[in-house]
Amino acid sequence: MKKPSLVLFDASALVHRAYHAFKYSQQLSISKTGEVTSAVFGFTNILLKVLNDVKPDCYAIAFDRKGPTFRHELSTAYKAHRPETPPELIAQMSRVRQMVEAFGIPVFEKQGYEADDLLGTLACRAKDAGAEVIIVTGDADAMQLVNESVKVLYPKPGGTFSDTMVYDAEAVMGKFGVPPHRVADYKAL
């Protein structure tokens, strides 16, 4: 009997990636208002492509919430050097949320936690329930979650989301030179 499949989308990482993909090219916008929609367009393309290609039994999306996380409380240096989110990207996040709501896709978010934390929890629970999981993200940190039931759909080196690869344990080893459970140690070094 085939295991049920679950696809989890890292909305924050994917929208951010879509925004930067259009940053230096022609921005898409609503002609009547001038509202920039490039990140919404890019994210929607990723979402539809994955759902069409993978055809999962179920799927969900995780968003970051505005405000500090438990990591900020542990260290004031956490993401201290990260530049401010551009206003035109912030404005598009509400449009992405509207689109996700229109599709009726379950959303997970929790104050004090990042989308990555929620994706990890959801992936572990789904694995324990006997599901096959694919996490769709542009964040390589997710590679530490890979195991016999959890894979990561990630762009190929130098690629875009039209050119992706599903990372299993062997592919993670090929990318980092360490198994998935050592990725956090590798990145910490």
N, C-alpha and C. Protein backbone atom coordinates (compact mmCIF):
# COMPACT_ATOMS: atom_id res chain seq x y z
N MET A 1 0.83 -1.18 0.00
CA MET A 1 0.00 0.00 0.00
C MET A 1 0.88 1.25 0.00
N LYS A 2 0.52 2.20 -0.84
CA LYS A 2 1.29 3.43 -0.97
C LYS A 2 1.09 4.32 0.25
N LYS A 3 2.19 4.88 0.75
CA LYS A 3 2.11 5.81 1.88
C LYS A 3 1.47 7.11 1.41
N PRO A 4 0.71 7.79 2.28
CA PRO A 4 0.17 9.10 1.90
C PRO A 4 1.32 10.10 1.74
N SER A 5 1.11 11.08 0.87
CA SER A 5 2.16 12.07 0.63
C SER A 5 1.71 13.45 1.10
N LEU A 6 2.66 14.17 1.66
CA LEU A 6 2.44 15.52 2.16
C LEU A 6 3.52 16.43 1.60
N VAL A 7 3.12 17.55 1.02
CA VAL A 7 4.07 18.57 0.59
C VAL A 7 3.91 19.77 1.49
N LEU A 8 5.02 20.23 2.04
CA LEU A 8 5.05 21.39 2.92
C LEU A 8 5.82 22.52 2.24
N PHE A 9 5.23 23.68 2.15
CA PHE A 9 5.85 24.84 1.50
C PHE A 9 6.35 25.82 2.54
N ASP A 10 7.59 26.28 2.37
CA ASP A 10 8.17 27.31 3.21
C ASP A 10 7.87 28.65 2.54
N ALA A 11 6.71 29.22 2.84
CA ALA A 11 6.24 30.42 2.15
C ALA A 11 7.25 31.56 2.25
N SER A 12 7.77 31.80 3.41
CA SER A 12 8.66 32.95 3.60
C SER A 12 9.90 32.83 2.72
N ALA A 13 10.53 31.67 2.71
CA ALA A 13 11.73 31.47 1.89
C ALA A 13 11.40 31.53 0.40
N LEU A 14 10.27 30.96 0.01
CA LEU A 14 9.92 30.92 -1.41
C LEU A 14 9.53 32.29 -1.94
N VAL A 15 8.78 33.06 -1.15
CA VAL A 15 8.40 34.41 -1.58
C VAL A 15 9.65 35.29 -1.68
N HIS A 16 10.52 35.16 -0.70
CA HIS A 16 11.77 35.94 -0.70
C HIS A 16 12.59 35.60 -1.94
N ARG A 17 12.68 34.34 -2.26
CA ARG A 17 13.43 33.90 -3.44
C ARG A 17 12.79 34.43 -4.72
N ALA A 18 11.46 34.36 -4.79
CA ALA A 18 10.74 34.86 -5.97
C ALA A 18 10.94 36.37 -6.13
N TYR A 19 10.93 37.08 -5.02
CA TYR A 19 11.14 38.53 -5.05
C TYR A 19 12.50 38.85 -5.66
N HIS A 20 13.54 38.18 -5.19
CA HIS A 20 14.89 38.45 -5.69
C HIS A 20 15.09 37.97 -7.13
N ALA A 21 14.33 36.99 -7.57
CA ALA A 21 14.44 36.52 -8.94
C ALA A 21 14.02 37.61 -9.93
N PHE A 22 13.10 38.48 -9.50
CA PHE A 22 12.61 39.55 -10.38
C PHE A 22 13.23 40.90 -10.06
N LYS A 23 14.02 40.97 -9.02
CA LYS A 23 14.52 42.26 -8.52
C LYS A 23 15.24 43.07 -9.59
N TYR A 24 16.05 42.40 -10.39
CA TYR A 24 16.85 43.13 -11.38
C TYR A 24 16.32 42.97 -12.80
N SER A 25 15.18 42.31 -12.92
CA SER A 25 14.55 42.21 -14.23
C SER A 25 13.31 43.08 -14.21
N GLN A 26 12.51 42.95 -15.21
CA GLN A 26 11.30 43.76 -15.26
C GLN A 26 10.32 43.30 -14.18
N GLN A 27 9.95 44.23 -13.31
CA GLN A 27 8.99 43.93 -12.24
C GLN A 27 7.59 43.78 -12.83
N LEU A 28 6.86 42.82 -12.33
CA LEU A 28 5.46 42.68 -12.71
C LEU A 28 4.63 43.54 -11.78
N SER A 29 3.63 44.19 -12.33
CA SER A 29 2.78 45.03 -11.48
C SER A 29 1.37 45.08 -12.04
N ILE A 30 0.46 45.53 -11.20
CA ILE A 30 -0.92 45.75 -11.62
C ILE A 30 -0.94 47.10 -12.32
N SER A 31 -1.27 47.09 -13.59
CA SER A 31 -1.16 48.32 -14.39
C SER A 31 -2.02 49.46 -13.85
N LYS A 32 -3.17 49.15 -13.33
CA LYS A 32 -4.09 50.19 -12.85
C LYS A 32 -3.55 50.91 -11.62
N THR A 33 -2.90 50.17 -10.71
CA THR A 33 -2.45 50.75 -9.44
C THR A 33 -0.93 50.89 -9.33
N GLY A 34 -0.20 50.15 -10.15
CA GLY A 34 1.26 50.16 -10.06
C GLY A 34 1.79 49.25 -8.96
N GLU A 35 0.91 48.53 -8.28
CA GLU A 35 1.33 47.63 -7.20
C GLU A 35 2.21 46.51 -7.77
N VAL A 36 3.40 46.35 -7.21
CA VAL A 36 4.33 45.31 -7.66
C VAL A 36 3.84 43.95 -7.19
N THR A 37 3.83 42.98 -8.11
CA THR A 37 3.31 41.64 -7.80
C THR A 37 4.28 40.53 -8.24
N SER A 38 5.52 40.85 -8.50
CA SER A 38 6.48 39.86 -9.00
C SER A 38 6.66 38.68 -8.06
N ALA A 39 6.79 38.95 -6.77
CA ALA A 39 6.99 37.86 -5.81
C ALA A 39 5.74 36.99 -5.70
N VAL A 40 4.58 37.60 -5.80
CA VAL A 40 3.33 36.83 -5.77
C VAL A 40 3.26 35.92 -6.99
N PHE A 41 3.60 36.46 -8.15
CA PHE A 41 3.61 35.69 -9.39
C PHE A 41 4.61 34.53 -9.29
N GLY A 42 5.83 34.82 -8.86
CA GLY A 42 6.86 33.78 -8.74
C GLY A 42 6.47 32.69 -7.76
N PHE A 43 5.96 33.09 -6.59
CA PHE A 43 5.54 32.12 -5.59
C PHE A 43 4.40 31.25 -6.12
N THR A 44 3.43 31.87 -6.76
CA THR A 44 2.29 31.12 -7.30
C THR A 44 2.75 30.12 -8.35
N ASN A 45 3.69 30.51 -9.19
CA ASN A 45 4.23 29.58 -10.19
C ASN A 45 4.90 28.37 -9.53
N ILE A 46 5.68 28.63 -8.47
CA ILE A 46 6.34 27.53 -7.75
C ILE A 46 5.28 26.60 -7.16
N LEU A 47 4.32 27.18 -6.48
CA LEU A 47 3.26 26.42 -5.83
C LEU A 47 2.53 25.53 -6.83
N LEU A 48 2.07 26.12 -7.93
CA LEU A 48 1.31 25.35 -8.93
C LEU A 48 2.17 24.29 -9.61
N LYS A 49 3.41 24.62 -9.89
CA LYS A 49 4.30 23.64 -10.54
C LYS A 49 4.51 22.42 -9.64
N VAL A 50 4.78 22.65 -8.38
CA VAL A 50 5.02 21.54 -7.45
C VAL A 50 3.75 20.71 -7.28
N LEU A 51 2.63 21.36 -7.07
CA LEU A 51 1.37 20.62 -6.88
C LEU A 51 1.03 19.80 -8.13
N ASN A 52 1.26 20.37 -9.30
CA ASN A 52 0.99 19.67 -10.55
C ASN A 52 1.96 18.51 -10.78
N ASP A 53 3.25 18.73 -10.48
CA ASP A 53 4.26 17.70 -10.72
C ASP A 53 4.20 16.57 -9.69
N VAL A 54 4.04 16.92 -8.42
CA VAL A 54 4.10 15.94 -7.34
C VAL A 54 2.75 15.27 -7.10
N LYS A 55 1.67 16.03 -7.25
CA LYS A 55 0.31 15.52 -7.00
C LYS A 55 0.19 14.87 -5.61
N PRO A 56 0.49 15.65 -4.56
CA PRO A 56 0.44 15.09 -3.21
C PRO A 56 -0.99 14.83 -2.74
N ASP A 57 -1.11 13.95 -1.75
CA ASP A 57 -2.41 13.70 -1.13
C ASP A 57 -2.87 14.91 -0.32
N CYS A 58 -1.91 15.60 0.30
CA CYS A 58 -2.24 16.80 1.05
C CYS A 58 -1.03 17.74 1.08
N TYR A 59 -1.29 18.96 1.45
CA TYR A 59 -0.23 19.97 1.45
C TYR A 59 -0.60 21.07 2.44
N ALA A 60 0.42 21.83 2.82
CA ALA A 60 0.24 22.93 3.77
C ALA A 60 1.37 23.92 3.55
N ILE A 61 1.18 25.10 4.11
CA ILE A 61 2.16 26.18 3.97
C ILE A 61 2.48 26.72 5.36
N ALA A 62 3.75 27.04 5.58
CA ALA A 62 4.16 27.68 6.83
C ALA A 62 4.68 29.08 6.52
N PHE A 63 4.27 30.03 7.33
CA PHE A 63 4.72 31.42 7.22
C PHE A 63 5.48 31.81 8.47
N ASP A 64 6.44 32.72 8.31
CA ASP A 64 7.05 33.39 9.45
C ASP A 64 6.06 34.44 9.93
N ARG A 65 6.07 34.70 11.24
CA ARG A 65 5.26 35.81 11.77
C ARG A 65 6.21 36.95 12.07
N LYS A 66 5.69 38.13 12.00
CA LYS A 66 6.49 39.32 12.32
C LYS A 66 6.81 39.30 13.82
N GLY A 67 8.02 39.71 14.13
CA GLY A 67 8.41 39.80 15.53
C GLY A 67 9.53 38.84 15.86
N PRO A 68 10.08 38.97 17.05
CA PRO A 68 11.21 38.13 17.44
C PRO A 68 10.80 36.68 17.67
N THR A 69 11.79 35.81 17.53
CA THR A 69 11.58 34.39 17.79
C THR A 69 12.34 34.01 19.05
N PHE A 70 12.18 32.77 19.46
CA PHE A 70 12.92 32.32 20.64
C PHE A 70 14.42 32.41 20.41
N ARG A 71 14.88 32.35 19.16
CA ARG A 71 16.31 32.47 18.86
C ARG A 71 16.83 33.88 19.15
N HIS A 72 16.01 34.89 18.91
CA HIS A 72 16.39 36.26 19.24
C HIS A 72 16.56 36.43 20.75
N GLU A 73 15.75 35.72 21.51
CA GLU A 73 15.86 35.78 22.96
C GLU A 73 17.12 35.07 23.45
N LEU A 74 17.57 34.05 22.72
CA LEU A 74 18.79 33.33 23.09
C LEU A 74 20.04 34.13 22.75
N SER A 75 19.97 34.90 21.66
CA SER A 75 21.15 35.65 21.22
C SER A 75 20.72 36.91 20.48
N THR A 76 21.21 38.04 20.95
CA THR A 76 20.89 39.31 20.27
C THR A 76 21.57 39.38 18.91
N ALA A 77 22.56 38.55 18.68
CA ALA A 77 23.26 38.55 17.39
C ALA A 77 22.51 37.78 16.31
N TYR A 78 21.45 37.07 16.69
CA TYR A 78 20.73 36.26 15.71
C TYR A 78 20.14 37.16 14.62
N LYS A 79 20.58 36.94 13.40
CA LYS A 79 20.16 37.70 12.21
C LYS A 79 20.38 39.20 12.35
N ALA A 80 21.30 39.60 13.22
CA ALA A 80 21.55 41.02 13.46
C ALA A 80 22.09 41.72 12.21
N HIS A 81 22.79 41.01 11.36
CA HIS A 81 23.38 41.63 10.18
C HIS A 81 22.52 41.50 8.93
N ARG A 82 21.34 40.89 9.08
CA ARG A 82 20.44 40.72 7.94
C ARG A 82 19.82 42.08 7.61
N PRO A 83 19.83 42.46 6.33
CA PRO A 83 19.22 43.74 5.97
C PRO A 83 17.70 43.74 6.20
N GLU A 84 17.16 44.92 6.37
CA GLU A 84 15.71 45.07 6.54
C GLU A 84 14.99 44.53 5.30
N THR A 85 13.81 43.98 5.51
CA THR A 85 13.00 43.49 4.41
C THR A 85 12.50 44.69 3.61
N PRO A 86 12.69 44.67 2.28
CA PRO A 86 12.24 45.80 1.47
C PRO A 86 10.72 45.99 1.57
N PRO A 87 10.26 47.24 1.63
CA PRO A 87 8.81 47.51 1.76
C PRO A 87 7.99 46.87 0.63
N GLU A 88 8.53 46.84 -0.59
CA GLU A 88 7.77 46.26 -1.70
C GLU A 88 7.62 44.74 -1.55
N LEU A 89 8.50 44.11 -0.80
CA LEU A 89 8.35 42.68 -0.51
C LEU A 89 7.32 42.49 0.61
N ILE A 90 7.38 43.32 1.63
CA ILE A 90 6.42 43.23 2.73
C ILE A 90 5.00 43.38 2.19
N ALA A 91 4.80 44.33 1.29
CA ALA A 91 3.47 44.56 0.72
C ALA A 91 2.97 43.34 -0.04
N GLN A 92 3.87 42.60 -0.67
CA GLN A 92 3.46 41.44 -1.45
C GLN A 92 3.10 40.24 -0.58
N MET A 93 3.61 40.19 0.64
CA MET A 93 3.29 39.07 1.53
C MET A 93 1.79 38.99 1.80
N SER A 94 1.13 40.14 1.94
CA SER A 94 -0.32 40.09 2.19
C SER A 94 -1.05 39.55 0.96
N ARG A 95 -0.55 39.85 -0.23
CA ARG A 95 -1.14 39.31 -1.46
C ARG A 95 -0.91 37.80 -1.55
N VAL A 96 0.25 37.35 -1.14
CA VAL A 96 0.53 35.91 -1.13
C VAL A 96 -0.44 35.22 -0.18
N ARG A 97 -0.63 35.80 0.98
CA ARG A 97 -1.58 35.23 1.95
C ARG A 97 -2.99 35.18 1.38
N GLN A 98 -3.40 36.22 0.66
CA GLN A 98 -4.72 36.22 0.02
C GLN A 98 -4.82 35.09 -1.00
N MET A 99 -3.76 34.90 -1.77
CA MET A 99 -3.76 33.85 -2.78
C MET A 99 -3.85 32.47 -2.12
N VAL A 100 -3.07 32.26 -1.07
CA VAL A 100 -3.09 30.99 -0.35
C VAL A 100 -4.47 30.73 0.24
N GLU A 101 -5.07 31.77 0.80
CA GLU A 101 -6.43 31.65 1.35
C GLU A 101 -7.44 31.30 0.25
N ALA A 102 -7.30 31.93 -0.92
CA ALA A 102 -8.21 31.66 -2.04
C ALA A 102 -8.09 30.20 -2.51
N PHE A 103 -6.90 29.64 -2.41
CA PHE A 103 -6.69 28.24 -2.78
C PHE A 103 -7.16 27.29 -1.69
N GLY A 104 -7.43 27.81 -0.50
CA GLY A 104 -7.88 26.97 0.61
C GLY A 104 -6.78 26.10 1.17
N ILE A 105 -5.55 26.57 1.10
CA ILE A 105 -4.40 25.79 1.58
C ILE A 105 -4.23 26.03 3.08
N PRO A 106 -4.11 24.97 3.87
CA PRO A 106 -3.88 25.14 5.31
C PRO A 106 -2.59 25.91 5.59
N VAL A 107 -2.67 26.86 6.50
CA VAL A 107 -1.53 27.71 6.86
C VAL A 107 -1.14 27.43 8.31
N PHE A 108 0.17 27.32 8.53
CA PHE A 108 0.71 27.16 9.87
C PHE A 108 1.65 28.31 10.15
N GLU A 109 1.46 28.94 11.30
CA GLU A 109 2.34 30.01 11.77
C GLU A 109 2.15 30.14 13.27
N LYS A 110 3.22 30.54 13.94
CA LYS A 110 3.14 30.67 15.40
C LYS A 110 4.10 31.74 15.85
N GLN A 111 3.60 32.66 16.64
CA GLN A 111 4.44 33.73 17.16
C GLN A 111 5.61 33.14 17.94
N GLY A 112 6.80 33.69 17.69
CA GLY A 112 7.99 33.23 18.40
C GLY A 112 8.73 32.11 17.70
N TYR A 113 8.17 31.63 16.59
CA TYR A 113 8.79 30.54 15.84
C TYR A 113 8.88 30.93 14.36
N GLU A 114 9.88 30.38 13.69
CA GLU A 114 10.02 30.60 12.26
C GLU A 114 9.29 29.50 11.50
N ALA A 115 9.01 29.75 10.25
CA ALA A 115 8.36 28.76 9.40
C ALA A 115 9.17 27.46 9.40
N ASP A 116 10.51 27.56 9.42
CA ASP A 116 11.38 26.37 9.44
C ASP A 116 11.07 25.46 10.62
N ASP A 117 10.84 26.07 11.78
CA ASP A 117 10.54 25.29 12.98
C ASP A 117 9.25 24.52 12.80
N LEU A 118 8.26 25.19 12.24
CA LEU A 118 6.96 24.55 12.03
C LEU A 118 7.06 23.45 10.98
N LEU A 119 7.82 23.71 9.91
CA LEU A 119 8.00 22.69 8.88
C LEU A 119 8.67 21.45 9.46
N GLY A 120 9.67 21.65 10.30
CA GLY A 120 10.35 20.52 10.94
C GLY A 120 9.40 19.72 11.80
N THR A 121 8.59 20.40 12.59
CA THR A 121 7.62 19.72 13.45
C THR A 121 6.59 18.96 12.63
N LEU A 122 6.04 19.64 11.61
CA LEU A 122 5.04 18.99 10.76
C LEU A 122 5.63 17.78 10.03
N ALA A 123 6.86 17.91 9.53
CA ALA A 123 7.50 16.81 8.82
C ALA A 123 7.72 15.61 9.74
N CYS A 124 8.17 15.87 10.95
CA CYS A 124 8.41 14.78 11.92
C CYS A 124 7.10 14.09 12.30
N ARG A 125 6.07 14.86 12.53
CA ARG A 125 4.77 14.27 12.89
C ARG A 125 4.19 13.47 11.73
N ALA A 126 4.32 13.99 10.51
CA ALA A 126 3.81 13.27 9.34
C ALA A 126 4.59 11.98 9.11
N LYS A 127 5.91 12.04 9.31
CA LYS A 127 6.74 10.83 9.18
C LYS A 127 6.29 9.80 10.21
N ASP A 128 6.10 10.23 11.45
CA ASP A 128 5.67 9.31 12.52
C ASP A 128 4.30 8.71 12.23
N ALA A 129 3.48 9.44 11.46
CA ALA A 129 2.15 8.95 11.10
C ALA A 129 2.18 8.08 9.84
N GLY A 130 3.39 7.90 9.28
CA GLY A 130 3.53 7.02 8.12
C GLY A 130 3.46 7.69 6.76
N ALA A 131 3.60 9.00 6.70
CA ALA A 131 3.53 9.72 5.43
C ALA A 131 4.91 9.93 4.83
N GLU A 132 4.93 10.11 3.52
CA GLU A 132 6.11 10.57 2.78
C GLU A 132 5.99 12.08 2.69
N VAL A 133 7.07 12.81 3.00
CA VAL A 133 7.02 14.26 3.07
C VAL A 133 8.04 14.87 2.11
N ILE A 134 7.61 15.93 1.43
CA ILE A 134 8.53 16.75 0.64
C ILE A 134 8.39 18.18 1.15
N ILE A 135 9.51 18.75 1.56
CA ILE A 135 9.54 20.15 2.00
C ILE A 135 10.05 20.97 0.82
N VAL A 136 9.28 21.96 0.40
CA VAL A 136 9.66 22.82 -0.72
C VAL A 136 10.16 24.13 -0.13
N THR A 137 11.45 24.41 -0.35
CA THR A 137 12.07 25.58 0.27
C THR A 137 13.27 26.05 -0.53
N GLY A 138 13.68 27.26 -0.26
CA GLY A 138 14.92 27.79 -0.81
C GLY A 138 15.95 27.92 0.30
N ASP A 139 15.68 27.33 1.46
CA ASP A 139 16.54 27.42 2.64
C ASP A 139 17.26 26.08 2.84
N ALA A 140 18.56 26.08 2.64
CA ALA A 140 19.35 24.85 2.75
C ALA A 140 19.35 24.27 4.16
N ASP A 141 18.98 25.05 5.17
CA ASP A 141 18.92 24.52 6.53
C ASP A 141 17.96 23.33 6.63
N ALA A 142 16.97 23.28 5.75
CA ALA A 142 15.99 22.18 5.78
C ALA A 142 16.63 20.83 5.47
N MET A 143 17.83 20.83 4.90
CA MET A 143 18.49 19.57 4.56
C MET A 143 18.73 18.69 5.79
N GLN A 144 18.80 19.30 6.98
CA GLN A 144 19.02 18.53 8.20
C GLN A 144 17.80 17.68 8.57
N LEU A 145 16.66 17.95 7.94
CA LEU A 145 15.44 17.20 8.22
C LEU A 145 15.29 15.95 7.37
N VAL A 146 16.14 15.79 6.36
CA VAL A 146 16.03 14.68 5.42
C VAL A 146 16.27 13.34 6.12
N ASN A 147 15.40 12.38 5.83
CA ASN A 147 15.55 11.01 6.31
C ASN A 147 14.83 10.09 5.34
N GLU A 148 14.56 8.86 5.74
CA GLU A 148 13.95 7.89 4.82
C GLU A 148 12.56 8.30 4.36
N SER A 149 11.88 9.17 5.10
CA SER A 149 10.52 9.59 4.74
C SER A 149 10.39 11.07 4.42
N VAL A 150 11.43 11.84 4.65
CA VAL A 150 11.38 13.29 4.43
C VAL A 150 12.45 13.67 3.40
N LYS A 151 12.01 14.37 2.35
CA LYS A 151 12.91 14.85 1.30
C LYS A 151 12.74 16.36 1.21
N VAL A 152 13.70 17.02 0.56
CA VAL A 152 13.63 18.46 0.37
C VAL A 152 13.71 18.76 -1.13
N LEU A 153 12.76 19.53 -1.63
CA LEU A 153 12.79 20.01 -3.01
C LEU A 153 13.45 21.38 -2.97
N TYR A 154 14.57 21.49 -3.67
CA TYR A 154 15.45 22.66 -3.56
C TYR A 154 16.03 22.96 -4.93
N PRO A 155 16.28 24.23 -5.24
CA PRO A 155 16.87 24.55 -6.55
C PRO A 155 18.26 23.94 -6.71
N LYS A 156 18.56 23.51 -7.94
CA LYS A 156 19.91 23.01 -8.22
C LYS A 156 20.89 24.17 -8.06
N PRO A 157 22.17 23.87 -7.79
CA PRO A 157 23.16 24.95 -7.63
C PRO A 157 23.12 25.91 -8.83
N GLY A 158 22.96 27.18 -8.52
CA GLY A 158 22.89 28.20 -9.56
C GLY A 158 21.59 28.20 -10.33
N GLY A 159 20.64 27.37 -9.88
CA GLY A 159 19.38 27.22 -10.61
C GLY A 159 18.24 28.01 -10.02
N THR A 160 17.09 27.82 -10.63
CA THR A 160 15.87 28.48 -10.19
C THR A 160 14.87 27.39 -9.81
N PHE A 161 13.67 27.79 -9.43
CA PHE A 161 12.68 26.78 -9.08
C PHE A 161 12.08 26.09 -10.30
N SER A 162 12.51 26.49 -11.48
CA SER A 162 12.13 25.71 -12.66
C SER A 162 13.15 24.59 -12.88
N ASP A 163 14.22 24.62 -12.10
CA ASP A 163 15.28 23.62 -12.20
C ASP A 163 15.62 23.16 -10.78
N THR A 164 14.86 22.20 -10.28
CA THR A 164 15.01 21.77 -8.89
C THR A 164 15.47 20.33 -8.80
N MET A 165 15.76 19.95 -7.59
CA MET A 165 16.20 18.58 -7.30
C MET A 165 15.57 18.16 -5.98
N VAL A 166 15.17 16.89 -5.90
CA VAL A 166 14.68 16.36 -4.64
C VAL A 166 15.88 15.78 -3.90
N TYR A 167 16.14 16.30 -2.73
CA TYR A 167 17.28 15.85 -1.93
C TYR A 167 16.85 14.75 -0.97
N ASP A 168 17.46 13.59 -1.15
CA ASP A 168 17.34 12.51 -0.18
C ASP A 168 18.67 12.49 0.57
N ALA A 169 18.88 11.50 1.43
CA ALA A 169 20.10 11.45 2.24
C ALA A 169 21.36 11.39 1.38
N GLU A 170 21.31 10.64 0.29
CA GLU A 170 22.48 10.53 -0.59
C GLU A 170 22.81 11.87 -1.25
N ALA A 171 21.79 12.59 -1.69
CA ALA A 171 22.01 13.89 -2.33
C ALA A 171 22.52 14.92 -1.32
N VAL A 172 22.04 14.87 -0.08
CA VAL A 172 22.54 15.76 0.97
C VAL A 172 24.02 15.48 1.21
N MET A 173 24.38 14.21 1.26
CA MET A 173 25.78 13.82 1.44
C MET A 173 26.62 14.37 0.29
N GLY A 174 26.10 14.28 -0.92
CA GLY A 174 26.81 14.81 -2.08
C GLY A 174 26.98 16.31 -2.04
N LYS A 175 25.99 17.01 -1.53
CA LYS A 175 26.03 18.48 -1.48
C LYS A 175 26.95 18.99 -0.37
N PHE A 176 26.83 18.41 0.83
CA PHE A 176 27.56 18.92 1.99
C PHE A 176 28.75 18.07 2.41
N GLY A 177 28.78 16.80 1.98
CA GLY A 177 29.85 15.91 2.43
C GLY A 177 29.59 15.32 3.80
N VAL A 178 28.38 15.54 4.32
CA VAL A 178 27.99 14.98 5.62
C VAL A 178 26.56 14.47 5.49
N PRO A 179 26.16 13.52 6.33
CA PRO A 179 24.77 13.04 6.29
C PRO A 179 23.82 14.12 6.85
N PRO A 180 22.54 14.01 6.57
CA PRO A 180 21.58 15.02 7.02
C PRO A 180 21.66 15.36 8.50
N HIS A 181 21.84 14.36 9.37
CA HIS A 181 21.85 14.66 10.81
C HIS A 181 23.09 15.45 11.24
N ARG A 182 24.04 15.65 10.34
CA ARG A 182 25.24 16.44 10.64
C ARG A 182 25.24 17.81 9.94
N VAL A 183 24.19 18.12 9.19
CA VAL A 183 24.14 19.39 8.47
C VAL A 183 24.21 20.57 9.43
N ALA A 184 23.51 20.53 10.53
CA ALA A 184 23.55 21.65 11.50
C ALA A 184 24.97 21.86 12.02
N ASP A 185 25.69 20.77 12.31
CA ASP A 185 27.07 20.89 12.77
C ASP A 185 27.95 21.49 11.67
N TYR A 186 27.75 21.00 10.45
CA TYR A 186 28.52 21.49 9.31
C TYR A 186 28.31 22.99 9.13
N LYS A 187 27.06 23.44 9.18
CA LYS A 187 26.77 24.86 8.98
C LYS A 187 27.27 25.69 10.16
N ALA A 188 27.28 25.12 11.35
CA ALA A 188 27.76 25.85 12.52
C ALA A 188 29.26 26.12 12.43
N LEU A 189 29.97 25.21 11.77
CA LEU A 189 31.41 25.40 11.63
C LEU A 189 31.70 26.50 10.64
